[in-house]
Amino acid sequence: MRRTLFATLTIAAFALGLGADWHLQAQAPASTDLASLTFEVASVKSNKSGDGRVMIGGPPGRFNVTNMPLRGIIGFAFAIQPFQLVGGPEWINGDRFDIVAKVPADTPPAAMFGAGSPGPTQRMLQHLLADRFKLKVHTETRDMPIYALVLARSDGKLGPKLQPAAVDCAALRGRGPGGAPPAPLAPGQRPQCGMMMGIGSLAAGGVPVSVLATTLSPRVGRIIVDRTGLTGPYEFNLDFTPDQLPPAGGPGPVAPPGAPPLAPVDPNGPSLYTALQEQLGLKLDSQRGPVEVIVIDSVDHPTED
């Protein structure tokens, strides 16, 4: 029986419609002094609304967190998955907070959850957590279960929904801005350069398979290592039924204002594991390997303003 997702999650805009170089933009430039990355101004407040929805993201120049438990905020700040955050008092799982911050001009977009490398916005959030929550952590490497993303067929044939990218996204980026903005994507429509995510769907164009591995990791609760041997950019569509579904008759996940609507989820569709093999010709091979974790040494209730 599929588990039920009781909390309604509002997916942030950066997780729905991304430019072709989203995974590169999230990195700080080589010349950036990481120690100097701080919000220009930030407000931290407790959220006792009882609303199950969580929002994170914001328009250019702003970074907002709404109704998120501190454990989730820490996980986002370090670009890790939930199982990679160890320790901490019980209250960080239940107490929820709002953060409203002003981001310096020309700051690259925030990276996605579990993206593997904190971007500039995440570095700013780390500094805020250290200042306002007195958060202290250290890293460890532990042997844990992982998945290897591999080819499903011995002859190397790919699935019908995975093929090399038809568009040279690097060349398009090199041309710079110009022309009319692209039309909004319909639910399930594949972007030409970038990735679009729904509750039970992924659609991408011009991205390496390693990005698919990183994106799927939070959905399976393990680090996924790309061992397909596939190089270069690819385009794909992946449709599946997640293990967790909104309650019947209840409010489902919604897209943020201005984002395209989320595609409906087929409750009788294939699991993620089956869809990977049937649609992309890939599979997840269970293995063990080194995984870096963040260990919480100490954390306090915040100073609010």
C-alpha atoms as a PDB file:
ATOM      1  CA  MET A   1       0.000   0.000   0.000  1.00  0.00           C
ATOM      2  CA  ARG A   2       1.353   3.403  -0.879  1.00  0.00           C
ATOM      3  CA  ARG A   3       2.026   5.734   2.008  1.00  0.00           C
ATOM      4  CA  THR A   4       0.153   9.025   2.223  1.00  0.00           C
ATOM      5  CA  LEU A   5       1.823  12.392   2.157  1.00  0.00           C
ATOM      6  CA  PHE A   6       0.018  14.388   4.826  1.00  0.00           C
ATOM      7  CA  ALA A   7       1.808  17.693   4.412  1.00  0.00           C
ATOM      8  CA  THR A   8       1.122  19.682   1.277  1.00  0.00           C
ATOM      9  CA  LEU A   9       4.392  20.871  -0.194  1.00  0.00           C
ATOM     10  CA  THR A  10       4.554  23.978  -2.323  1.00  0.00           C
ATOM     11  CA  ILE A  11       7.453  23.341  -4.669  1.00  0.00           C
ATOM     12  CA  ALA A  12       9.747  26.311  -5.041  1.00  0.00           C
ATOM     13  CA  ALA A  13      10.182  27.902  -8.432  1.00  0.00           C
ATOM     14  CA  PHE A  14      13.838  26.953  -8.661  1.00  0.00           C
ATOM     15  CA  ALA A  15      12.799  23.293  -8.606  1.00  0.00           C
ATOM     16  CA  LEU A  16      10.274  23.634 -11.395  1.00  0.00           C
ATOM     17  CA  GLY A  17      11.724  25.588 -14.272  1.00  0.00           C
ATOM     18  CA  LEU A  18      15.496  25.817 -14.471  1.00  0.00           C
ATOM     19  CA  GLY A  19      17.940  27.164 -17.004  1.00  0.00           C
ATOM     20  CA  ALA A  20      20.264  24.769 -18.766  1.00  0.00           C
ATOM     21  CA  ASP A  21      23.166  25.723 -16.526  1.00  0.00           C
ATOM     22  CA  TRP A  22      21.293  25.655 -13.215  1.00  0.00           C
ATOM     23  CA  HIS A  23      23.713  23.144 -11.730  1.00  0.00           C
ATOM     24  CA  LEU A  24      26.646  25.325 -12.765  1.00  0.00           C
ATOM     25  CA  GLN A  25      25.120  28.627 -11.738  1.00  0.00           C
ATOM     26  CA  ALA A  26      24.635  27.314  -8.222  1.00  0.00           C
ATOM     27  CA  GLN A  27      28.382  27.209  -7.666  1.00  0.00           C
ATOM     28  CA  ALA A  28      30.221  30.230  -6.325  1.00  0.00           C
ATOM     29  CA  PRO A  29      32.650  31.837  -8.792  1.00  0.00           C
ATOM     30  CA  ALA A  30      36.270  30.888  -8.212  1.00  0.00           C
ATOM     31  CA  SER A  31      37.068  34.444  -7.148  1.00  0.00           C
ATOM     32  CA  THR A  32      34.329  34.529  -4.495  1.00  0.00           C
ATOM     33  CA  ASP A  33      35.423  34.705  -0.866  1.00  0.00           C
ATOM     34  CA  LEU A  34      33.051  32.167   0.708  1.00  0.00           C
ATOM     35  CA  ALA A  35      33.597  33.645   4.169  1.00  0.00           C
ATOM     36  CA  SER A  36      32.143  36.945   2.966  1.00  0.00           C
ATOM     37  CA  LEU A  37      28.884  35.466   1.653  1.00  0.00           C
ATOM     38  CA  THR A  38      26.197  36.860   3.952  1.00  0.00           C
ATOM     39  CA  PHE A  39      22.673  38.173   3.480  1.00  0.00           C
ATOM     40  CA  GLU A  40      22.431  41.954   3.369  1.00  0.00           C
ATOM     41  CA  VAL A  41      19.604  41.793   5.892  1.00  0.00           C
ATOM     42  CA  ALA A  42      17.549  38.887   7.262  1.00  0.00           C
ATOM     43  CA  SER A  43      14.554  38.321   9.514  1.00  0.00           C
ATOM     44  CA  VAL A  44      13.917  35.087  11.475  1.00  0.00           C
ATOM     45  CA  LYS A  45      10.561  34.322  13.097  1.00  0.00           C
ATOM     46  CA  SER A  46       8.788  31.265  14.499  1.00  0.00           C
ATOM     47  CA  ASN A  47       5.841  29.978  12.470  1.00  0.00           C
ATOM     48  CA  LYS A  48       3.005  28.561  14.572  1.00  0.00           C
ATOM     49  CA  SER A  49       0.332  28.670  11.866  1.00  0.00           C
ATOM     50  CA  GLY A  50      -0.175  24.908  11.798  1.00  0.00           C
ATOM     51  CA  ASP A  51      -0.230  25.053   7.993  1.00  0.00           C
ATOM     52  CA  GLY A  52       1.323  21.964   6.411  1.00  0.00           C
ATOM     53  CA  ARG A  53       2.687  23.820   3.399  1.00  0.00           C
ATOM     54  CA  VAL A  54       6.379  24.613   3.097  1.00  0.00           C
ATOM     55  CA  MET A  55       7.892  27.161   0.714  1.00  0.00           C
ATOM     56  CA  ILE A  56      11.498  27.995  -0.043  1.00  0.00           C
ATOM     57  CA  GLY A  57      12.933  30.164  -2.781  1.00  0.00           C
ATOM     58  CA  GLY A  58      11.951  33.655  -3.841  1.00  0.00           C
ATOM     59  CA  PRO A  59      12.289  36.224  -6.611  1.00  0.00           C
ATOM     60  CA  PRO A  60      15.665  37.664  -7.664  1.00  0.00           C
ATOM     61  CA  GLY A  61      17.266  39.570  -4.822  1.00  0.00           C
ATOM     62  CA  ARG A  62      15.246  37.753  -2.168  1.00  0.00           C
ATOM     63  CA  PHE A  63      15.435  34.442  -0.334  1.00  0.00           C
ATOM     64  CA  ASN A  64      12.410  33.294   1.641  1.00  0.00           C
ATOM     65  CA  VAL A  65      11.711  30.274   3.829  1.00  0.00           C
ATOM     66  CA  THR A  66       8.138  29.744   5.016  1.00  0.00           C
ATOM     67  CA  ASN A  67       6.985  27.267   7.655  1.00  0.00           C
ATOM     68  CA  MET A  68      10.000  24.964   7.472  1.00  0.00           C
ATOM     69  CA  PRO A  69      11.379  22.864  10.356  1.00  0.00           C
ATOM     70  CA  LEU A  70      14.934  23.789  11.269  1.00  0.00           C
ATOM     71  CA  ARG A  71      16.224  20.352  10.259  1.00  0.00           C
ATOM     72  CA  GLY A  72      14.995  21.006   6.730  1.00  0.00           C
ATOM     73  CA  ILE A  73      16.548  24.477   6.677  1.00  0.00           C
ATOM     74  CA  ILE A  74      19.915  23.050   7.756  1.00  0.00           C
ATOM     75  CA  GLY A  75      19.667  20.339   5.108  1.00  0.00           C
ATOM     76  CA  PHE A  76      19.017  22.940   2.430  1.00  0.00           C
ATOM     77  CA  ALA A  77      21.854  25.155   3.668  1.00  0.00           C
ATOM     78  CA  PHE A  78      24.371  22.346   3.250  1.00  0.00           C
ATOM     79  CA  ALA A  79      22.745  20.925   0.077  1.00  0.00           C
ATOM     80  CA  ILE A  80      22.335  17.492   1.637  1.00  0.00           C
ATOM     81  CA  GLN A  81      19.584  14.918   1.944  1.00  0.00           C
ATOM     82  CA  PRO A  82      17.753  14.200   5.231  1.00  0.00           C
ATOM     83  CA  PHE A  83      19.720  11.031   6.012  1.00  0.00           C
ATOM     84  CA  GLN A  84      22.963  13.002   5.707  1.00  0.00           C
ATOM     85  CA  LEU A  85      22.099  15.197   8.703  1.00  0.00           C
ATOM     86  CA  VAL A  86      22.917  13.495  12.019  1.00  0.00           C
ATOM     87  CA  GLY A  87      22.135  14.485  15.600  1.00  0.00           C
ATOM     88  CA  GLY A  88      20.502  17.580  17.040  1.00  0.00           C
ATOM     89  CA  PRO A  89      17.742  18.066  19.644  1.00  0.00           C
ATOM     90  CA  GLU A  90      14.209  16.892  18.961  1.00  0.00           C
ATOM     91  CA  TRP A  91      12.791  20.404  18.626  1.00  0.00           C
ATOM     92  CA  ILE A  92      14.562  20.996  15.297  1.00  0.00           C
ATOM     93  CA  ASN A  93      12.217  18.382  13.770  1.00  0.00           C
ATOM     94  CA  GLY A  94       9.007  20.104  14.849  1.00  0.00           C
ATOM     95  CA  ASP A  95       9.607  23.806  15.424  1.00  0.00           C
ATOM     96  CA  ARG A  96       9.011  25.736  12.198  1.00  0.00           C
ATOM     97  CA  PHE A  97      10.462  29.047  11.081  1.00  0.00           C
ATOM     98  CA  ASP A  98      10.109  31.823   8.525  1.00  0.00           C
ATOM     99  CA  ILE A  99      13.173  33.539   7.067  1.00  0.00           C
ATOM    100  CA  VAL A 100      13.017  36.630   4.875  1.00  0.00           C
ATOM    101  CA  ALA A 101      16.403  37.737   3.541  1.00  0.00           C
ATOM    102  CA  LYS A 102      17.809  40.178   1.022  1.00  0.00           C
ATOM    103  CA  VAL A 103      20.384  38.634  -1.305  1.00  0.00           C
ATOM    104  CA  PRO A 104      23.199  40.735  -2.801  1.00  0.00           C
ATOM    105  CA  ALA A 105      22.733  41.678  -6.444  1.00  0.00           C
ATOM    106  CA  ASP A 106      23.922  39.229  -9.116  1.00  0.00           C
ATOM    107  CA  THR A 107      23.842  36.262  -6.709  1.00  0.00           C
ATOM    108  CA  PRO A 108      23.383  33.005  -8.699  1.00  0.00           C
ATOM    109  CA  PRO A 109      20.194  30.998  -8.096  1.00  0.00           C
ATOM    110  CA  ALA A 110      19.986  28.690  -5.100  1.00  0.00           C
ATOM    111  CA  ALA A 111      20.907  25.057  -5.683  1.00  0.00           C
ATOM    112  CA  MET A 112      18.361  22.284  -5.269  1.00  0.00           C
ATOM    113  CA  PHE A 113      17.911  20.059  -2.246  1.00  0.00           C
ATOM    114  CA  GLY A 114      20.622  17.435  -2.119  1.00  0.00           C
ATOM    115  CA  ALA A 115      22.474  19.055  -5.019  1.00  0.00           C
ATOM    116  CA  GLY A 116      25.788  17.989  -3.483  1.00  0.00           C
ATOM    117  CA  SER A 117      27.479  21.402  -3.352  1.00  0.00           C
ATOM    118  CA  PRO A 118      26.129  24.491  -1.559  1.00  0.00           C
ATOM    119  CA  GLY A 119      25.803  27.557  -3.734  1.00  0.00           C
ATOM    120  CA  PRO A 120      26.281  31.179  -2.639  1.00  0.00           C
ATOM    121  CA  THR A 121      22.745  31.456  -1.202  1.00  0.00           C
ATOM    122  CA  GLN A 122      23.305  28.298   0.827  1.00  0.00           C
ATOM    123  CA  ARG A 123      26.593  29.716   2.148  1.00  0.00           C
ATOM    124  CA  MET A 124      24.731  32.828   3.264  1.00  0.00           C
ATOM    125  CA  LEU A 125      22.142  30.638   4.974  1.00  0.00           C
ATOM    126  CA  GLN A 126      24.909  28.694   6.752  1.00  0.00           C
ATOM    127  CA  HIS A 127      26.247  31.946   8.165  1.00  0.00           C
ATOM    128  CA  LEU A 128      22.761  32.988   9.285  1.00  0.00           C
ATOM    129  CA  LEU A 129      22.266  29.646  11.049  1.00  0.00           C
ATOM    130  CA  ALA A 130      25.608  30.024  12.832  1.00  0.00           C
ATOM    131  CA  ASP A 131      24.771  33.596  13.872  1.00  0.00           C
ATOM    132  CA  ARG A 132      21.103  33.346  14.812  1.00  0.00           C
ATOM    133  CA  PHE A 133      20.786  29.678  15.825  1.00  0.00           C
ATOM    134  CA  LYS A 134      24.370  29.261  17.107  1.00  0.00           C
ATOM    135  CA  LEU A 135      24.643  26.189  14.899  1.00  0.00           C
ATOM    136  CA  LYS A 136      27.913  24.259  15.096  1.00  0.00           C
ATOM    137  CA  VAL A 137      28.540  21.196  12.918  1.00  0.00           C
ATOM    138  CA  HIS A 138      31.296  18.968  11.622  1.00  0.00           C
ATOM    139  CA  THR A 139      31.520  16.539   8.710  1.00  0.00           C
ATOM    140  CA  GLU A 140      32.185  12.809   8.765  1.00  0.00           C
ATOM    141  CA  THR A 141      32.385  10.122   6.096  1.00  0.00           C
ATOM    142  CA  ARG A 142      30.385   6.977   6.829  1.00  0.00           C
ATOM    143  CA  ASP A 143      29.867   3.708   4.980  1.00  0.00           C
ATOM    144  CA  MET A 144      26.184   3.671   4.020  1.00  0.00           C
ATOM    145  CA  PRO A 145      23.814   2.100   1.487  1.00  0.00           C
ATOM    146  CA  ILE A 146      23.910   3.884  -1.873  1.00  0.00           C
ATOM    147  CA  TYR A 147      22.560   3.279  -5.357  1.00  0.00           C
ATOM    148  CA  ALA A 148      24.597   3.076  -8.534  1.00  0.00           C
ATOM    149  CA  LEU A 149      22.736   4.291 -11.623  1.00  0.00           C
ATOM    150  CA  VAL A 150      23.649   1.799 -14.343  1.00  0.00           C
ATOM    151  CA  LEU A 151      22.448   0.646 -17.748  1.00  0.00           C
ATOM    152  CA  ALA A 152      19.592  -1.837 -17.468  1.00  0.00           C
ATOM    153  CA  ARG A 153      20.494  -3.806 -20.616  1.00  0.00           C
ATOM    154  CA  SER A 154      23.710  -5.664 -21.273  1.00  0.00           C
ATOM    155  CA  ASP A 155      23.718  -4.438 -24.891  1.00  0.00           C
ATOM    156  CA  GLY A 156      23.654  -0.809 -23.717  1.00  0.00           C
ATOM    157  CA  LYS A 157      20.389   0.057 -25.481  1.00  0.00           C
ATOM    158  CA  LEU A 158      18.627   3.003 -23.907  1.00  0.00           C
ATOM    159  CA  GLY A 159      14.921   3.346 -23.213  1.00  0.00           C
ATOM    160  CA  PRO A 160      12.493   5.107 -25.569  1.00  0.00           C
ATOM    161  CA  LYS A 161      12.380   8.303 -23.480  1.00  0.00           C
ATOM    162  CA  LEU A 162      16.143   8.878 -23.150  1.00  0.00           C
ATOM    163  CA  GLN A 163      18.270  10.128 -26.028  1.00  0.00           C
ATOM    164  CA  PRO A 164      21.205  12.480 -26.670  1.00  0.00           C
ATOM    165  CA  ALA A 165      20.178  16.121 -26.597  1.00  0.00           C
ATOM    166  CA  ALA A 166      19.033  17.509 -29.925  1.00  0.00           C
ATOM    167  CA  VAL A 167      19.992  21.087 -29.001  1.00  0.00           C
ATOM    168  CA  ASP A 168      23.442  22.469 -28.181  1.00  0.00           C
ATOM    169  CA  CYS A 169      22.565  24.295 -24.969  1.00  0.00           C
ATOM    170  CA  ALA A 170      26.150  25.469 -24.442  1.00  0.00           C
ATOM    171  CA  ALA A 171      26.008  27.266 -27.790  1.00  0.00           C
ATOM    172  CA  LEU A 172      22.666  28.846 -26.881  1.00  0.00           C
ATOM    173  CA  ARG A 173      24.078  30.119 -23.593  1.00  0.00           C
ATOM    174  CA  GLY A 174      27.044  31.573 -25.462  1.00  0.00           C
ATOM    175  CA  ARG A 175      24.742  33.777 -27.528  1.00  0.00           C
ATOM    176  CA  GLY A 176      23.602  35.603 -24.417  1.00  0.00           C
ATOM    177  CA  PRO A 177      20.123  37.046 -23.783  1.00  0.00           C
ATOM    178  CA  GLY A 178      18.024  38.238 -26.656  1.00  0.00           C
ATOM    179  CA  GLY A 179      14.766  37.661 -28.430  1.00  0.00           C
ATOM    180  CA  ALA A 180      11.374  36.949 -26.936  1.00  0.00           C
ATOM    181  CA  PRO A 181      11.217  34.938 -23.687  1.00  0.00           C
ATOM    182  CA  PRO A 182      10.235  31.284 -24.112  1.00  0.00           C
ATOM    183  CA  ALA A 183       6.574  30.363 -23.760  1.00  0.00           C
ATOM    184  CA  PRO A 184       5.551  28.742 -20.443  1.00  0.00           C
ATOM    185  CA  LEU A 185       5.853  24.973 -20.450  1.00  0.00           C
ATOM    186  CA  ALA A 186       2.778  22.793 -20.201  1.00  0.00           C
ATOM    187  CA  PRO A 187       2.673  20.104 -17.485  1.00  0.00           C
ATOM    188  CA  GLY A 188       5.007  17.272 -18.490  1.00  0.00           C
ATOM    189  CA  GLN A 189       6.473  19.212 -21.418  1.00  0.00           C
ATOM    190  CA  ARG A 190      10.235  18.855 -21.753  1.00  0.00           C
ATOM    191  CA  PRO A 191      12.257  22.076 -21.604  1.00  0.00           C
ATOM    192  CA  GLN A 192      14.729  22.583 -24.412  1.00  0.00           C
ATOM    193  CA  CYS A 193      17.559  23.356 -22.014  1.00  0.00           C
ATOM    194  CA  GLY A 194      16.999  22.672 -18.341  1.00  0.00           C
ATOM    195  CA  MET A 195      14.828  20.520 -16.111  1.00  0.00           C
ATOM    196  CA  MET A 196      11.203  20.599 -15.010  1.00  0.00           C
ATOM    197  CA  MET A 197      10.025  18.576 -12.016  1.00  0.00           C
ATOM    198  CA  GLY A 198       6.618  17.443 -10.864  1.00  0.00           C
ATOM    199  CA  ILE A 199       5.488  15.178  -8.052  1.00  0.00           C
ATOM    200  CA  GLY A 200       5.670  12.112 -10.315  1.00  0.00           C
ATOM    201  CA  SER A 201       7.572  13.387 -13.313  1.00  0.00           C
ATOM    202  CA  LEU A 202      10.919  14.672 -14.541  1.00  0.00           C
ATOM    203  CA  ALA A 203      11.495  16.267 -17.922  1.00  0.00           C
ATOM    204  CA  ALA A 204      14.874  17.591 -19.018  1.00  0.00           C
ATOM    205  CA  GLY A 205      16.814  18.715 -22.045  1.00  0.00           C
ATOM    206  CA  GLY A 206      20.522  19.355 -22.432  1.00  0.00           C
ATOM    207  CA  VAL A 207      21.604  17.934 -19.049  1.00  0.00           C
ATOM    208  CA  PRO A 208      24.087  15.148 -18.210  1.00  0.00           C
ATOM    209  CA  VAL A 209      22.845  11.885 -16.744  1.00  0.00           C
ATOM    210  CA  SER A 210      24.729  12.725 -13.550  1.00  0.00           C
ATOM    211  CA  VAL A 211      22.134  15.472 -12.945  1.00  0.00           C
ATOM    212  CA  LEU A 212      19.387  12.848 -13.185  1.00  0.00           C
ATOM    213  CA  ALA A 213      21.200  10.805 -10.525  1.00  0.00           C
ATOM    214  CA  THR A 214      21.482  13.805  -8.198  1.00  0.00           C
ATOM    215  CA  THR A 215      17.846  14.776  -8.735  1.00  0.00           C
ATOM    216  CA  LEU A 216      16.529  11.288  -7.989  1.00  0.00           C
ATOM    217  CA  SER A 217      18.550  10.838  -4.792  1.00  0.00           C
ATOM    218  CA  PRO A 218      16.074  12.594  -2.455  1.00  0.00           C
ATOM    219  CA  ARG A 219      13.242  10.475  -3.881  1.00  0.00           C
ATOM    220  CA  VAL A 220      14.883   7.190  -2.946  1.00  0.00           C
ATOM    221  CA  GLY A 221      16.574   8.248   0.294  1.00  0.00           C
ATOM    222  CA  ARG A 222      20.083   7.343  -0.822  1.00  0.00           C
ATOM    223  CA  ILE A 223      23.006   8.888  -2.606  1.00  0.00           C
ATOM    224  CA  ILE A 224      22.931   7.874  -6.286  1.00  0.00           C
ATOM    225  CA  VAL A 225      26.245   7.612  -8.128  1.00  0.00           C
ATOM    226  CA  ASP A 226      26.197   7.833 -11.914  1.00  0.00           C
ATOM    227  CA  ARG A 227      27.932   4.738 -13.271  1.00  0.00           C
ATOM    228  CA  THR A 228      26.160   4.560 -16.611  1.00  0.00           C
ATOM    229  CA  GLY A 229      29.215   5.621 -18.601  1.00  0.00           C
ATOM    230  CA  LEU A 230      26.979   7.965 -20.596  1.00  0.00           C
ATOM    231  CA  THR A 231      28.671  11.266 -21.443  1.00  0.00           C
ATOM    232  CA  GLY A 232      27.419  14.492 -22.920  1.00  0.00           C
ATOM    233  CA  PRO A 233      24.007  16.140 -22.562  1.00  0.00           C
ATOM    234  CA  TYR A 234      20.796  14.130 -22.807  1.00  0.00           C
ATOM    235  CA  GLU A 235      17.072  14.769 -22.945  1.00  0.00           C
ATOM    236  CA  PHE A 236      14.469  12.607 -21.248  1.00  0.00           C
ATOM    237  CA  ASN A 237      10.973  12.290 -19.844  1.00  0.00           C
ATOM    238  CA  LEU A 238      10.299  10.158 -16.789  1.00  0.00           C
ATOM    239  CA  ASP A 239       6.774   9.560 -15.438  1.00  0.00           C
ATOM    240  CA  PHE A 240       6.067   7.460 -12.359  1.00  0.00           C
ATOM    241  CA  THR A 241       3.846   7.157  -9.295  1.00  0.00           C
ATOM    242  CA  PRO A 242       5.654   8.270  -6.121  1.00  0.00           C
ATOM    243  CA  ASP A 243       5.464   6.202  -2.950  1.00  0.00           C
ATOM    244  CA  GLN A 244       3.808   9.114  -1.171  1.00  0.00           C
ATOM    245  CA  LEU A 245       0.600  10.612  -2.529  1.00  0.00           C
ATOM    246  CA  PRO A 246      -1.623  13.451  -1.270  1.00  0.00           C
ATOM    247  CA  PRO A 247      -4.653  12.205   0.693  1.00  0.00           C
ATOM    248  CA  ALA A 248      -7.728  11.435  -1.389  1.00  0.00           C
ATOM    249  CA  GLY A 249      -9.952  14.476  -1.646  1.00  0.00           C
ATOM    250  CA  GLY A 250      -7.379  16.668   0.088  1.00  0.00           C
ATOM    251  CA  PRO A 251      -5.325  19.528  -1.295  1.00  0.00           C
ATOM    252  CA  GLY A 252      -2.493  18.394  -3.501  1.00  0.00           C
ATOM    253  CA  PRO A 253       0.869  20.021  -4.076  1.00  0.00           C
ATOM    254  CA  VAL A 254       0.657  23.308  -5.910  1.00  0.00           C
ATOM    255  CA  ALA A 255       3.030  25.293  -8.046  1.00  0.00           C
ATOM    256  CA  PRO A 256       4.184  28.720  -6.862  1.00  0.00           C
ATOM    257  CA  PRO A 257       2.681  31.855  -8.403  1.00  0.00           C
ATOM    258  CA  GLY A 258       3.819  32.330 -11.978  1.00  0.00           C
ATOM    259  CA  ALA A 259       5.000  28.730 -12.392  1.00  0.00           C
ATOM    260  CA  PRO A 260       3.244  26.254 -14.705  1.00  0.00           C
ATOM    261  CA  PRO A 261       0.670  23.976 -13.065  1.00  0.00           C
ATOM    262  CA  LEU A 262       1.832  20.601 -11.847  1.00  0.00           C
ATOM    263  CA  ALA A 263       0.877  17.579 -13.917  1.00  0.00           C
ATOM    264  CA  PRO A 264      -1.593  15.197 -12.224  1.00  0.00           C
ATOM    265  CA  VAL A 265      -0.169  11.992 -10.768  1.00  0.00           C
ATOM    266  CA  ASP A 266      -1.481   8.645 -12.009  1.00  0.00           C
ATOM    267  CA  PRO A 267      -2.017   6.547  -8.842  1.00  0.00           C
ATOM    268  CA  ASN A 268      -1.791   3.369 -10.943  1.00  0.00           C
ATOM    269  CA  GLY A 269       1.390   4.262 -12.802  1.00  0.00           C
ATOM    270  CA  PRO A 270       4.737   2.456 -12.519  1.00  0.00           C
ATOM    271  CA  SER A 271       7.049   2.903  -9.558  1.00  0.00           C
ATOM    272  CA  LEU A 272      10.151   5.020 -10.005  1.00  0.00           C
ATOM    273  CA  TYR A 273      12.316   1.894 -10.247  1.00  0.00           C
ATOM    274  CA  THR A 274      10.109   0.336 -12.940  1.00  0.00           C
ATOM    275  CA  ALA A 275       9.794   3.597 -14.865  1.00  0.00           C
ATOM    276  CA  LEU A 276      13.580   4.012 -14.938  1.00  0.00           C
ATOM    277  CA  GLN A 277      14.008   0.635 -16.631  1.00  0.00           C
ATOM    278  CA  GLU A 278      11.016   0.792 -18.994  1.00  0.00           C
ATOM    279  CA  GLN A 279      11.295   4.439 -20.044  1.00  0.00           C
ATOM    280  CA  LEU A 280      15.016   5.270 -19.772  1.00  0.00           C
ATOM    281  CA  GLY A 281      16.719   1.887 -19.913  1.00  0.00           C
ATOM    282  CA  LEU A 282      18.465   2.537 -16.586  1.00  0.00           C
ATOM    283  CA  LYS A 283      18.277   0.900 -13.182  1.00  0.00           C
ATOM    284  CA  LEU A 284      19.370   1.459  -9.592  1.00  0.00           C
ATOM    285  CA  ASP A 285      21.835  -1.107  -8.272  1.00  0.00           C
ATOM    286  CA  SER A 286      21.977  -1.304  -4.461  1.00  0.00           C
ATOM    287  CA  GLN A 287      25.528  -1.016  -3.126  1.00  0.00           C
ATOM    288  CA  ARG A 288      27.459   0.409  -0.196  1.00  0.00           C
ATOM    289  CA  GLY A 289      29.855   3.311  -0.332  1.00  0.00           C
ATOM    290  CA  PRO A 290      31.289   6.330   1.469  1.00  0.00           C
ATOM    291  CA  VAL A 291      28.762   9.068   2.203  1.00  0.00           C
ATOM    292  CA  GLU A 292      29.600  12.434   3.733  1.00  0.00           C
ATOM    293  CA  VAL A 293      27.288  13.435   6.587  1.00  0.00           C
ATOM    294  CA  ILE A 294      26.858  16.622   8.593  1.00  0.00           C
ATOM    295  CA  VAL A 295      26.848  16.051  12.370  1.00  0.00           C
ATOM    296  CA  ILE A 296      25.173  18.674  14.564  1.00  0.00           C
ATOM    297  CA  ASP A 297      27.373  19.494  17.557  1.00  0.00           C
ATOM    298  CA  SER A 298      25.098  22.167  19.057  1.00  0.00           C
ATOM    299  CA  VAL A 299      22.209  24.451  18.129  1.00  0.00           C
ATOM    300  CA  ASP A 300      20.027  26.929  20.065  1.00  0.00           C
ATOM    301  CA  HIS A 301      16.606  28.482  19.623  1.00  0.00           C
ATOM    302  CA  PRO A 302      17.049  31.565  17.466  1.00  0.00           C
ATOM    303  CA  THR A 303      17.153  35.210  18.270  1.00  0.00           C
ATOM    304  CA  GLU A 304      14.058  36.534  16.487  1.00  0.00           C
ATOM    305  CA  ASP A 305      13.312  39.956  15.063  1.00  0.00           C
END
